[in-house]
Amino acid sequence: MKDLLLSTPAPEGHPSSPVTKKGNFHRGLLQTLPDLRGFARFLTRDTAAADDLVQDTIVRALAAQDQFQEGTALKAWLFTIQRNAFYEQNRRRSREQEIMQDIEFDMRPSTAAPSRQHARDAVQDLGELLWKLPDLLREALILVGAQELSYEDAARVCNVPAGTMRARVSRARAQLADLAAENSADPQPESEKNIV
């Protein structure tokens, strides 16, 4: 039965029918949108996340349009892109949560506040400190640190030599450490500043 379904061509113009001309690509993409939305809602179980996933799928499909093989089912090709994008986003989100938990558990407990709240504050402070870095240094640190790209891959993303990327990451870490040290130094209360 499965072989019969696979061998029976879909009617011309149907989203799962083979696309034979480049001009039909955009039309087929538009016809497949409802199916992409349905599949995305199945994967994400969230309407807003599903819409984001469909948008990501369309962007990726348009960027890879030249890789689409004429005569194959556009719908299957798009679903493959969508599924890969979904699992990539999940892996990234999972890795980000792991990093945040690692930061949270590595923080020293504070006697001033419950340790969990202190860790959350520290993570929030880290986020604020990251935004104080120059754009190029912050970008390098995010690509290599949070996104786990190699120096070479991050360098390709930024169109710079790998040595430049290594230097940017090193400078970003040093500046982040300096900012953290400045931030952790408790300023004296105003009432104590006036007492000499």
N, C-alpha and C. Protein backbone atom coordinates (compact mmCIF):
# COMPACT_ATOMS: atom_id res chain seq x y z
N MET A 1 0.83 -1.19 0.00
CA MET A 1 0.00 0.00 0.00
C MET A 1 0.88 1.25 0.00
N LYS A 2 1.94 1.23 0.85
CA LYS A 2 2.84 2.37 0.93
C LYS A 2 3.50 2.63 -0.42
N ASP A 3 3.93 1.55 -1.09
CA ASP A 3 4.56 1.70 -2.40
C ASP A 3 3.59 2.29 -3.41
N LEU A 4 2.34 1.88 -3.33
CA LEU A 4 1.33 2.40 -4.24
C LEU A 4 1.14 3.90 -4.04
N LEU A 5 1.10 4.33 -2.76
CA LEU A 5 0.94 5.74 -2.47
C LEU A 5 2.13 6.55 -2.95
N LEU A 6 3.31 6.00 -2.77
CA LEU A 6 4.52 6.71 -3.19
C LEU A 6 4.64 6.79 -4.71
N SER A 7 4.14 5.79 -5.40
CA SER A 7 4.30 5.76 -6.85
C SER A 7 3.20 6.50 -7.59
N THR A 8 2.10 6.80 -6.91
CA THR A 8 0.99 7.50 -7.56
C THR A 8 1.26 8.99 -7.53
N PRO A 9 1.43 9.63 -8.69
CA PRO A 9 1.72 11.07 -8.69
C PRO A 9 0.50 11.87 -8.27
N ALA A 10 0.77 12.95 -7.60
CA ALA A 10 -0.31 13.85 -7.21
C ALA A 10 -0.73 14.66 -8.42
N PRO A 11 -1.97 15.14 -8.43
CA PRO A 11 -2.43 15.94 -9.57
C PRO A 11 -1.58 17.19 -9.74
N GLU A 12 -1.45 17.64 -10.97
CA GLU A 12 -0.65 18.84 -11.26
C GLU A 12 -1.21 20.02 -10.48
N GLY A 13 -0.29 20.81 -9.90
CA GLY A 13 -0.70 21.97 -9.12
C GLY A 13 -0.89 21.66 -7.65
N HIS A 14 -0.97 20.40 -7.27
CA HIS A 14 -1.10 20.00 -5.88
C HIS A 14 0.24 20.24 -5.21
N PRO A 15 0.25 20.71 -3.93
CA PRO A 15 1.51 21.03 -3.27
C PRO A 15 2.51 19.87 -3.21
N SER A 16 2.03 18.62 -3.20
CA SER A 16 2.97 17.50 -3.12
C SER A 16 3.33 16.95 -4.49
N SER A 17 2.80 17.56 -5.55
CA SER A 17 3.17 17.11 -6.89
C SER A 17 4.56 17.61 -7.23
N PRO A 18 5.29 16.90 -8.10
CA PRO A 18 6.64 17.34 -8.45
C PRO A 18 6.63 18.71 -9.11
N VAL A 19 7.61 19.53 -8.73
CA VAL A 19 7.75 20.85 -9.32
C VAL A 19 8.73 20.73 -10.46
N THR A 20 8.32 21.18 -11.64
CA THR A 20 9.15 20.98 -12.82
C THR A 20 9.80 22.25 -13.33
N LYS A 21 9.34 23.42 -12.92
CA LYS A 21 9.90 24.66 -13.41
C LYS A 21 10.18 25.58 -12.24
N LYS A 22 11.24 26.38 -12.38
CA LYS A 22 11.60 27.32 -11.32
C LYS A 22 10.49 28.31 -11.06
N GLY A 23 9.76 28.69 -12.11
CA GLY A 23 8.65 29.63 -11.94
C GLY A 23 7.57 29.08 -11.05
N ASN A 24 7.43 27.77 -11.01
CA ASN A 24 6.42 27.15 -10.17
C ASN A 24 6.83 27.08 -8.71
N PHE A 25 8.11 27.34 -8.44
CA PHE A 25 8.61 27.21 -7.07
C PHE A 25 7.84 28.11 -6.12
N HIS A 26 7.74 29.39 -6.45
CA HIS A 26 7.06 30.33 -5.55
C HIS A 26 5.58 30.02 -5.42
N ARG A 27 4.95 29.62 -6.53
CA ARG A 27 3.54 29.25 -6.47
C ARG A 27 3.35 28.03 -5.58
N GLY A 28 4.21 27.03 -5.75
CA GLY A 28 4.14 25.83 -4.92
C GLY A 28 4.39 26.15 -3.45
N LEU A 29 5.29 27.09 -3.20
CA LEU A 29 5.57 27.52 -1.83
C LEU A 29 4.33 28.13 -1.19
N LEU A 30 3.65 28.98 -1.93
CA LEU A 30 2.43 29.60 -1.42
C LEU A 30 1.33 28.57 -1.18
N GLN A 31 1.21 27.59 -2.10
CA GLN A 31 0.18 26.56 -1.95
C GLN A 31 0.45 25.66 -0.74
N THR A 32 1.71 25.55 -0.35
CA THR A 32 2.09 24.65 0.74
C THR A 32 2.00 25.33 2.10
N LEU A 33 1.81 26.64 2.13
CA LEU A 33 1.76 27.36 3.41
C LEU A 33 0.78 26.77 4.43
N PRO A 34 -0.47 26.45 4.05
CA PRO A 34 -1.37 25.87 5.06
C PRO A 34 -0.84 24.56 5.65
N ASP A 35 -0.23 23.74 4.79
CA ASP A 35 0.32 22.48 5.28
C ASP A 35 1.52 22.73 6.20
N LEU A 36 2.33 23.72 5.85
CA LEU A 36 3.47 24.06 6.70
C LEU A 36 3.00 24.55 8.06
N ARG A 37 1.93 25.36 8.05
CA ARG A 37 1.39 25.84 9.33
C ARG A 37 0.86 24.69 10.17
N GLY A 38 0.16 23.78 9.54
CA GLY A 38 -0.37 22.63 10.28
C GLY A 38 0.73 21.77 10.88
N PHE A 39 1.76 21.50 10.09
CA PHE A 39 2.87 20.68 10.57
C PHE A 39 3.63 21.41 11.68
N ALA A 40 3.80 22.72 11.53
CA ALA A 40 4.50 23.51 12.54
C ALA A 40 3.73 23.52 13.86
N ARG A 41 2.41 23.62 13.78
CA ARG A 41 1.60 23.60 15.01
C ARG A 41 1.68 22.24 15.68
N PHE A 42 1.76 21.20 14.88
CA PHE A 42 1.93 19.86 15.44
C PHE A 42 3.26 19.76 16.17
N LEU A 43 4.31 20.29 15.56
CA LEU A 43 5.64 20.20 16.16
C LEU A 43 5.77 21.05 17.42
N THR A 44 5.30 22.29 17.35
CA THR A 44 5.54 23.23 18.44
C THR A 44 4.46 23.24 19.51
N ARG A 45 3.23 22.90 19.13
CA ARG A 45 2.07 22.95 20.03
C ARG A 45 1.80 24.37 20.54
N ASP A 46 2.22 25.36 19.76
CA ASP A 46 2.06 26.75 20.14
C ASP A 46 1.89 27.57 18.86
N THR A 47 0.83 28.35 18.78
CA THR A 47 0.52 29.08 17.56
C THR A 47 1.60 30.08 17.20
N ALA A 48 2.06 30.87 18.16
CA ALA A 48 3.08 31.88 17.87
C ALA A 48 4.39 31.22 17.45
N ALA A 49 4.78 30.17 18.17
CA ALA A 49 6.02 29.47 17.82
C ALA A 49 5.89 28.80 16.45
N ALA A 50 4.71 28.32 16.14
CA ALA A 50 4.48 27.70 14.84
C ALA A 50 4.63 28.72 13.71
N ASP A 51 4.07 29.91 13.91
CA ASP A 51 4.21 30.96 12.90
C ASP A 51 5.68 31.34 12.70
N ASP A 52 6.43 31.42 13.79
CA ASP A 52 7.86 31.71 13.69
C ASP A 52 8.59 30.61 12.93
N LEU A 53 8.21 29.37 13.20
CA LEU A 53 8.85 28.24 12.52
C LEU A 53 8.54 28.25 11.03
N VAL A 54 7.30 28.57 10.66
CA VAL A 54 6.93 28.65 9.24
C VAL A 54 7.75 29.75 8.57
N GLN A 55 7.86 30.89 9.23
CA GLN A 55 8.63 31.99 8.65
C GLN A 55 10.09 31.58 8.46
N ASP A 56 10.67 30.92 9.45
CA ASP A 56 12.05 30.45 9.34
C ASP A 56 12.19 29.46 8.19
N THR A 57 11.21 28.59 8.05
CA THR A 57 11.22 27.60 6.97
C THR A 57 11.19 28.28 5.61
N ILE A 58 10.34 29.26 5.44
CA ILE A 58 10.23 29.97 4.16
C ILE A 58 11.54 30.69 3.83
N VAL A 59 12.11 31.34 4.84
CA VAL A 59 13.37 32.06 4.62
C VAL A 59 14.47 31.08 4.19
N ARG A 60 14.54 29.94 4.88
CA ARG A 60 15.55 28.94 4.53
C ARG A 60 15.30 28.36 3.14
N ALA A 61 14.04 28.12 2.83
CA ALA A 61 13.70 27.54 1.52
C ALA A 61 14.06 28.51 0.40
N LEU A 62 13.76 29.77 0.58
CA LEU A 62 14.09 30.76 -0.45
C LEU A 62 15.60 30.89 -0.62
N ALA A 63 16.32 30.82 0.50
CA ALA A 63 17.78 30.91 0.44
C ALA A 63 18.38 29.69 -0.26
N ALA A 64 17.73 28.54 -0.11
CA ALA A 64 18.25 27.29 -0.68
C ALA A 64 17.51 26.89 -1.96
N GLN A 65 16.79 27.79 -2.55
CA GLN A 65 15.95 27.49 -3.72
C GLN A 65 16.74 26.79 -4.82
N ASP A 66 17.98 27.18 -5.02
CA ASP A 66 18.79 26.56 -6.08
C ASP A 66 19.12 25.10 -5.79
N GLN A 67 19.01 24.70 -4.52
CA GLN A 67 19.31 23.32 -4.16
C GLN A 67 18.12 22.39 -4.38
N PHE A 68 16.95 22.97 -4.60
CA PHE A 68 15.77 22.14 -4.82
C PHE A 68 15.89 21.45 -6.17
N GLN A 69 15.65 20.15 -6.17
CA GLN A 69 15.76 19.36 -7.40
C GLN A 69 14.41 19.33 -8.11
N GLU A 70 14.40 19.83 -9.32
CA GLU A 70 13.17 19.82 -10.10
C GLU A 70 12.71 18.39 -10.30
N GLY A 71 11.40 18.21 -10.29
CA GLY A 71 10.83 16.88 -10.47
C GLY A 71 10.59 16.15 -9.16
N THR A 72 10.96 16.77 -8.04
CA THR A 72 10.72 16.15 -6.74
C THR A 72 9.59 16.90 -6.04
N ALA A 73 9.07 16.33 -4.98
CA ALA A 73 7.94 16.91 -4.26
C ALA A 73 8.40 18.09 -3.40
N LEU A 74 7.89 19.25 -3.71
CA LEU A 74 8.23 20.46 -2.96
C LEU A 74 7.78 20.35 -1.51
N LYS A 75 6.60 19.80 -1.30
CA LYS A 75 6.07 19.70 0.06
C LYS A 75 6.99 18.87 0.95
N ALA A 76 7.48 17.75 0.46
CA ALA A 76 8.39 16.92 1.25
C ALA A 76 9.69 17.67 1.53
N TRP A 77 10.17 18.39 0.54
CA TRP A 77 11.41 19.15 0.70
C TRP A 77 11.23 20.23 1.76
N LEU A 78 10.09 20.93 1.72
CA LEU A 78 9.81 21.98 2.69
C LEU A 78 9.62 21.41 4.10
N PHE A 79 8.94 20.27 4.19
CA PHE A 79 8.76 19.64 5.49
C PHE A 79 10.10 19.21 6.08
N THR A 80 11.02 18.78 5.25
CA THR A 80 12.35 18.41 5.73
C THR A 80 13.06 19.63 6.30
N ILE A 81 12.96 20.74 5.59
CA ILE A 81 13.57 21.98 6.07
C ILE A 81 12.93 22.39 7.40
N GLN A 82 11.60 22.31 7.46
CA GLN A 82 10.89 22.72 8.66
C GLN A 82 11.25 21.84 9.86
N ARG A 83 11.29 20.55 9.64
CA ARG A 83 11.63 19.62 10.72
C ARG A 83 13.04 19.86 11.21
N ASN A 84 13.99 20.05 10.29
CA ASN A 84 15.37 20.32 10.68
C ASN A 84 15.48 21.63 11.46
N ALA A 85 14.75 22.66 11.01
CA ALA A 85 14.76 23.95 11.70
C ALA A 85 14.19 23.80 13.11
N PHE A 86 13.12 23.03 13.24
CA PHE A 86 12.50 22.82 14.55
C PHE A 86 13.47 22.15 15.53
N TYR A 87 14.12 21.08 15.09
CA TYR A 87 15.04 20.38 15.98
C TYR A 87 16.29 21.20 16.26
N GLU A 88 16.72 22.01 15.31
CA GLU A 88 17.86 22.90 15.52
C GLU A 88 17.51 23.93 16.59
N GLN A 89 16.32 24.51 16.50
CA GLN A 89 15.88 25.49 17.50
C GLN A 89 15.78 24.84 18.88
N ASN A 90 15.27 23.62 18.94
CA ASN A 90 15.15 22.93 20.22
C ASN A 90 16.52 22.66 20.83
N ARG A 91 17.47 22.22 20.00
CA ARG A 91 18.82 21.97 20.51
C ARG A 91 19.43 23.26 21.03
N ARG A 92 19.26 24.35 20.29
CA ARG A 92 19.81 25.64 20.71
C ARG A 92 19.17 26.09 22.02
N ARG A 93 17.84 25.97 22.10
CA ARG A 93 17.12 26.38 23.31
C ARG A 93 17.55 25.52 24.50
N SER A 94 17.69 24.23 24.27
CA SER A 94 18.13 23.32 25.33
C SER A 94 19.53 23.66 25.80
N ARG A 95 20.42 23.96 24.84
CA ARG A 95 21.80 24.32 25.20
C ARG A 95 21.83 25.63 25.96
N GLU A 96 21.01 26.60 25.56
CA GLU A 96 20.95 27.87 26.28
C GLU A 96 20.48 27.66 27.72
N GLN A 97 19.49 26.78 27.91
CA GLN A 97 19.00 26.50 29.26
C GLN A 97 20.09 25.82 30.09
N GLU A 98 20.85 24.89 29.47
CA GLU A 98 21.94 24.24 30.18
C GLU A 98 22.98 25.25 30.62
N ILE A 99 23.32 26.18 29.73
CA ILE A 99 24.32 27.19 30.06
C ILE A 99 23.83 28.05 31.22
N MET A 100 22.56 28.45 31.16
CA MET A 100 22.00 29.27 32.24
C MET A 100 21.98 28.51 33.56
N GLN A 101 21.65 27.21 33.52
CA GLN A 101 21.65 26.41 34.73
C GLN A 101 23.06 26.25 35.27
N ASP A 102 24.03 26.05 34.38
CA ASP A 102 25.42 25.94 34.81
C ASP A 102 25.86 27.22 35.50
N ILE A 103 25.50 28.35 34.93
CA ILE A 103 25.85 29.63 35.54
C ILE A 103 25.18 29.74 36.90
N GLU A 104 23.92 29.35 36.94
CA GLU A 104 23.16 29.44 38.19
C GLU A 104 23.77 28.56 39.28
N PHE A 105 24.17 27.34 38.95
CA PHE A 105 24.72 26.42 39.94
C PHE A 105 26.16 26.76 40.32
N ASP A 106 26.87 27.44 39.42
CA ASP A 106 28.26 27.80 39.72
C ASP A 106 28.38 29.04 40.59
N MET A 107 27.29 29.76 40.76
CA MET A 107 27.33 30.98 41.56
C MET A 107 27.45 30.62 43.04
N ARG A 108 28.25 31.40 43.77
CA ARG A 108 28.38 31.18 45.21
C ARG A 108 27.09 31.59 45.90
N PRO A 109 26.67 30.82 46.90
CA PRO A 109 25.45 31.21 47.62
C PRO A 109 25.66 32.53 48.37
N SER A 110 24.63 33.30 48.42
CA SER A 110 24.68 34.59 49.10
C SER A 110 23.93 34.51 50.42
N THR A 111 24.48 35.16 51.44
CA THR A 111 23.77 35.19 52.72
C THR A 111 22.73 36.30 52.72
N ALA A 112 22.89 37.25 51.79
CA ALA A 112 21.97 38.39 51.74
C ALA A 112 20.62 38.00 51.13
N ALA A 113 20.60 36.99 50.26
CA ALA A 113 19.36 36.59 49.60
C ALA A 113 19.41 35.09 49.35
N PRO A 114 18.27 34.47 49.11
CA PRO A 114 18.29 33.04 48.77
C PRO A 114 19.16 32.80 47.55
N SER A 115 19.89 31.68 47.55
CA SER A 115 20.88 31.42 46.49
C SER A 115 20.26 31.37 45.11
N ARG A 116 19.08 30.84 44.99
CA ARG A 116 18.44 30.74 43.68
C ARG A 116 18.14 32.14 43.11
N GLN A 117 17.64 33.01 43.96
CA GLN A 117 17.36 34.38 43.52
C GLN A 117 18.66 35.10 43.18
N HIS A 118 19.68 34.85 43.99
CA HIS A 118 20.99 35.47 43.72
C HIS A 118 21.52 35.02 42.37
N ALA A 119 21.37 33.73 42.06
CA ALA A 119 21.84 33.21 40.77
C ALA A 119 21.08 33.86 39.62
N ARG A 120 19.78 34.02 39.78
CA ARG A 120 18.99 34.68 38.74
C ARG A 120 19.46 36.13 38.55
N ASP A 121 19.72 36.80 39.66
CA ASP A 121 20.21 38.18 39.57
C ASP A 121 21.56 38.22 38.87
N ALA A 122 22.42 37.24 39.17
CA ALA A 122 23.74 37.20 38.54
C ALA A 122 23.62 36.97 37.04
N VAL A 123 22.71 36.09 36.64
CA VAL A 123 22.50 35.83 35.21
C VAL A 123 21.97 37.10 34.54
N GLN A 124 21.05 37.79 35.21
CA GLN A 124 20.53 39.03 34.66
C GLN A 124 21.64 40.06 34.55
N ASP A 125 22.50 40.14 35.59
CA ASP A 125 23.63 41.05 35.55
C ASP A 125 24.57 40.71 34.39
N LEU A 126 24.79 39.41 34.17
CA LEU A 126 25.65 38.99 33.07
C LEU A 126 25.08 39.46 31.74
N GLY A 127 23.77 39.31 31.58
CA GLY A 127 23.12 39.78 30.36
C GLY A 127 23.30 41.28 30.18
N GLU A 128 23.17 42.03 31.26
CA GLU A 128 23.36 43.47 31.19
C GLU A 128 24.81 43.82 30.86
N LEU A 129 25.75 43.06 31.44
CA LEU A 129 27.17 43.32 31.17
C LEU A 129 27.51 43.02 29.71
N LEU A 130 26.91 41.97 29.16
CA LEU A 130 27.16 41.64 27.75
C LEU A 130 26.80 42.80 26.84
N TRP A 131 25.72 43.51 27.17
CA TRP A 131 25.29 44.62 26.33
C TRP A 131 26.19 45.84 26.47
N LYS A 132 27.08 45.84 27.47
CA LYS A 132 28.04 46.93 27.62
C LYS A 132 29.28 46.72 26.77
N LEU A 133 29.46 45.52 26.25
CA LEU A 133 30.60 45.23 25.38
C LEU A 133 30.39 45.89 24.02
N PRO A 134 31.47 46.25 23.33
CA PRO A 134 31.32 46.73 21.95
C PRO A 134 30.67 45.64 21.08
N ASP A 135 29.96 46.05 20.05
CA ASP A 135 29.20 45.12 19.21
C ASP A 135 30.03 43.96 18.68
N LEU A 136 31.22 44.26 18.15
CA LEU A 136 32.05 43.19 17.56
C LEU A 136 32.51 42.18 18.61
N LEU A 137 32.83 42.65 19.80
CA LEU A 137 33.27 41.74 20.85
C LEU A 137 32.11 40.90 21.38
N ARG A 138 30.95 41.56 21.55
CA ARG A 138 29.77 40.82 22.01
C ARG A 138 29.38 39.75 21.00
N GLU A 139 29.39 40.12 19.73
CA GLU A 139 29.06 39.17 18.67
C GLU A 139 30.01 37.97 18.69
N ALA A 140 31.30 38.22 18.83
CA ALA A 140 32.29 37.13 18.86
C ALA A 140 32.06 36.21 20.04
N LEU A 141 31.80 36.79 21.21
CA LEU A 141 31.58 35.99 22.42
C LEU A 141 30.32 35.15 22.31
N ILE A 142 29.27 35.72 21.75
CA ILE A 142 28.01 34.97 21.59
C ILE A 142 28.20 33.82 20.60
N LEU A 143 28.85 34.09 19.47
CA LEU A 143 29.02 33.04 18.46
C LEU A 143 29.85 31.88 18.99
N VAL A 144 30.97 32.18 19.66
CA VAL A 144 31.86 31.13 20.12
C VAL A 144 31.39 30.54 21.44
N GLY A 145 30.90 31.40 22.35
CA GLY A 145 30.49 30.92 23.66
C GLY A 145 29.11 30.32 23.68
N ALA A 146 28.10 31.12 23.43
CA ALA A 146 26.71 30.66 23.54
C ALA A 146 26.30 29.75 22.39
N GLN A 147 26.72 30.10 21.16
CA GLN A 147 26.31 29.31 20.00
C GLN A 147 27.25 28.14 19.72
N GLU A 148 28.36 28.08 20.44
CA GLU A 148 29.31 26.97 20.36
C GLU A 148 29.90 26.75 18.97
N LEU A 149 30.09 27.83 18.22
CA LEU A 149 30.76 27.71 16.94
C LEU A 149 32.26 27.65 17.17
N SER A 150 32.97 26.97 16.29
CA SER A 150 34.43 26.99 16.37
C SER A 150 34.90 28.39 15.99
N TYR A 151 36.15 28.70 16.32
CA TYR A 151 36.68 30.01 15.93
C TYR A 151 36.63 30.17 14.41
N GLU A 152 36.92 29.09 13.70
CA GLU A 152 36.93 29.14 12.24
C GLU A 152 35.53 29.42 11.69
N ASP A 153 34.52 28.71 12.22
CA ASP A 153 33.15 28.92 11.75
C ASP A 153 32.65 30.32 12.10
N ALA A 154 32.95 30.77 13.32
CA ALA A 154 32.54 32.12 13.72
C ALA A 154 33.23 33.16 12.85
N ALA A 155 34.49 32.90 12.49
CA ALA A 155 35.22 33.82 11.62
C ALA A 155 34.57 33.89 10.25
N ARG A 156 34.10 32.74 9.74
CA ARG A 156 33.41 32.74 8.44
C ARG A 156 32.10 33.53 8.52
N VAL A 157 31.39 33.39 9.62
CA VAL A 157 30.14 34.13 9.79
C VAL A 157 30.41 35.64 9.73
N CYS A 158 31.49 36.08 10.38
CA CYS A 158 31.81 37.51 10.46
C CYS A 158 32.72 37.97 9.33
N ASN A 159 33.13 37.04 8.47
CA ASN A 159 33.98 37.36 7.33
C ASN A 159 35.31 38.00 7.76
N VAL A 160 35.93 37.37 8.78
CA VAL A 160 37.24 37.81 9.27
C VAL A 160 38.13 36.58 9.42
N PRO A 161 39.46 36.76 9.53
CA PRO A 161 40.35 35.62 9.76
C PRO A 161 40.10 35.00 11.14
N ALA A 162 40.42 33.72 11.29
CA ALA A 162 40.21 33.02 12.56
C ALA A 162 41.00 33.66 13.68
N GLY A 163 42.20 34.16 13.38
CA GLY A 163 43.02 34.83 14.40
C GLY A 163 42.33 36.07 14.94
N THR A 164 41.66 36.79 14.07
CA THR A 164 40.91 37.98 14.50
C THR A 164 39.78 37.58 15.43
N MET A 165 39.11 36.47 15.10
CA MET A 165 38.02 36.00 15.94
C MET A 165 38.54 35.59 17.32
N ARG A 166 39.69 34.89 17.35
CA ARG A 166 40.29 34.50 18.64
C ARG A 166 40.61 35.75 19.48
N ALA A 167 41.17 36.76 18.82
CA ALA A 167 41.52 37.99 19.53
C ALA A 167 40.27 38.68 20.07
N ARG A 168 39.21 38.72 19.27
CA ARG A 168 37.96 39.36 19.71
C ARG A 168 37.37 38.64 20.92
N VAL A 169 37.36 37.31 20.87
CA VAL A 169 36.81 36.54 21.99
C VAL A 169 37.64 36.77 23.25
N SER A 170 38.95 36.79 23.08
CA SER A 170 39.84 37.02 24.23
C SER A 170 39.60 38.40 24.83
N ARG A 171 39.52 39.41 23.98
CA ARG A 171 39.26 40.77 24.48
C ARG A 171 37.88 40.87 25.12
N ALA A 172 36.90 40.20 24.53
CA ALA A 172 35.54 40.23 25.09
C ALA A 172 35.53 39.61 26.48
N ARG A 173 36.21 38.49 26.65
CA ARG A 173 36.26 37.84 27.97
C ARG A 173 36.96 38.72 28.99
N ALA A 174 38.06 39.35 28.57
CA ALA A 174 38.79 40.23 29.48
C ALA A 174 37.94 41.43 29.88
N GLN A 175 37.27 42.06 28.91
CA GLN A 175 36.43 43.20 29.23
C GLN A 175 35.23 42.81 30.09
N LEU A 176 34.69 41.63 29.82
CA LEU A 176 33.56 41.15 30.62
C LEU A 176 34.00 40.92 32.07
N ALA A 177 35.20 40.36 32.25
CA ALA A 177 35.72 40.15 33.61
C ALA A 177 35.93 41.49 34.31
N ASP A 178 36.47 42.49 33.60
CA ASP A 178 36.66 43.82 34.19
C ASP A 178 35.32 44.44 34.58
N LEU A 179 34.34 44.32 33.67
CA LEU A 179 33.01 44.88 33.97
C LEU A 179 32.37 44.18 35.16
N ALA A 180 32.56 42.87 35.25
CA ALA A 180 31.99 42.11 36.37
C ALA A 180 32.66 42.53 37.67
N ALA A 181 33.97 42.75 37.64
CA ALA A 181 34.69 43.18 38.83
C ALA A 181 34.20 44.55 39.29
N GLU A 182 34.03 45.46 38.34
CA GLU A 182 33.51 46.79 38.67
C GLU A 182 32.10 46.70 39.23
N ASN A 183 31.29 45.83 38.64
CA ASN A 183 29.90 45.69 39.04
C ASN A 183 29.78 45.06 40.43
N SER A 184 30.71 44.16 40.78
CA SER A 184 30.61 43.47 42.07
C SER A 184 31.14 44.30 43.21
N ALA A 185 31.93 45.33 42.92
CA ALA A 185 32.42 46.23 43.97
C ALA A 185 31.23 47.02 44.49
N ASP A 186 30.90 46.79 45.75
CA ASP A 186 29.74 47.48 46.33
C ASP A 186 30.07 48.94 46.57
N PRO A 187 29.31 49.84 45.95
CA PRO A 187 29.55 51.26 46.22
C PRO A 187 29.12 51.59 47.65
N GLN A 188 29.83 52.54 48.22
CA GLN A 188 29.48 52.96 49.58
C GLN A 188 28.16 53.71 49.56
N PRO A 189 27.34 53.49 50.55
CA PRO A 189 26.11 54.29 50.64
C PRO A 189 26.44 55.77 50.79
N GLU A 190 25.56 56.64 50.33
CA GLU A 190 25.76 58.09 50.37
C GLU A 190 26.05 58.58 51.78
N SER A 191 25.39 57.98 52.77
CA SER A 191 25.55 58.45 54.16
C SER A 191 26.98 58.19 54.64
N GLU A 192 27.63 57.11 54.16
CA GLU A 192 28.98 56.79 54.60
C GLU A 192 30.02 57.62 53.87
N LYS A 193 29.72 58.10 52.65
CA LYS A 193 30.66 58.88 51.87
C LYS A 193 30.94 60.21 52.54
N ASN A 194 29.99 60.77 53.22
CA ASN A 194 30.16 62.09 53.84
C ASN A 194 30.90 62.02 55.17
N ILE A 195 31.03 60.84 55.73
CA ILE A 195 31.71 60.70 57.02
C ILE A 195 33.21 60.58 56.77
N VAL A 196 34.01 61.48 57.34
CA VAL A 196 35.46 61.44 57.16
C VAL A 196 36.13 61.28 58.48
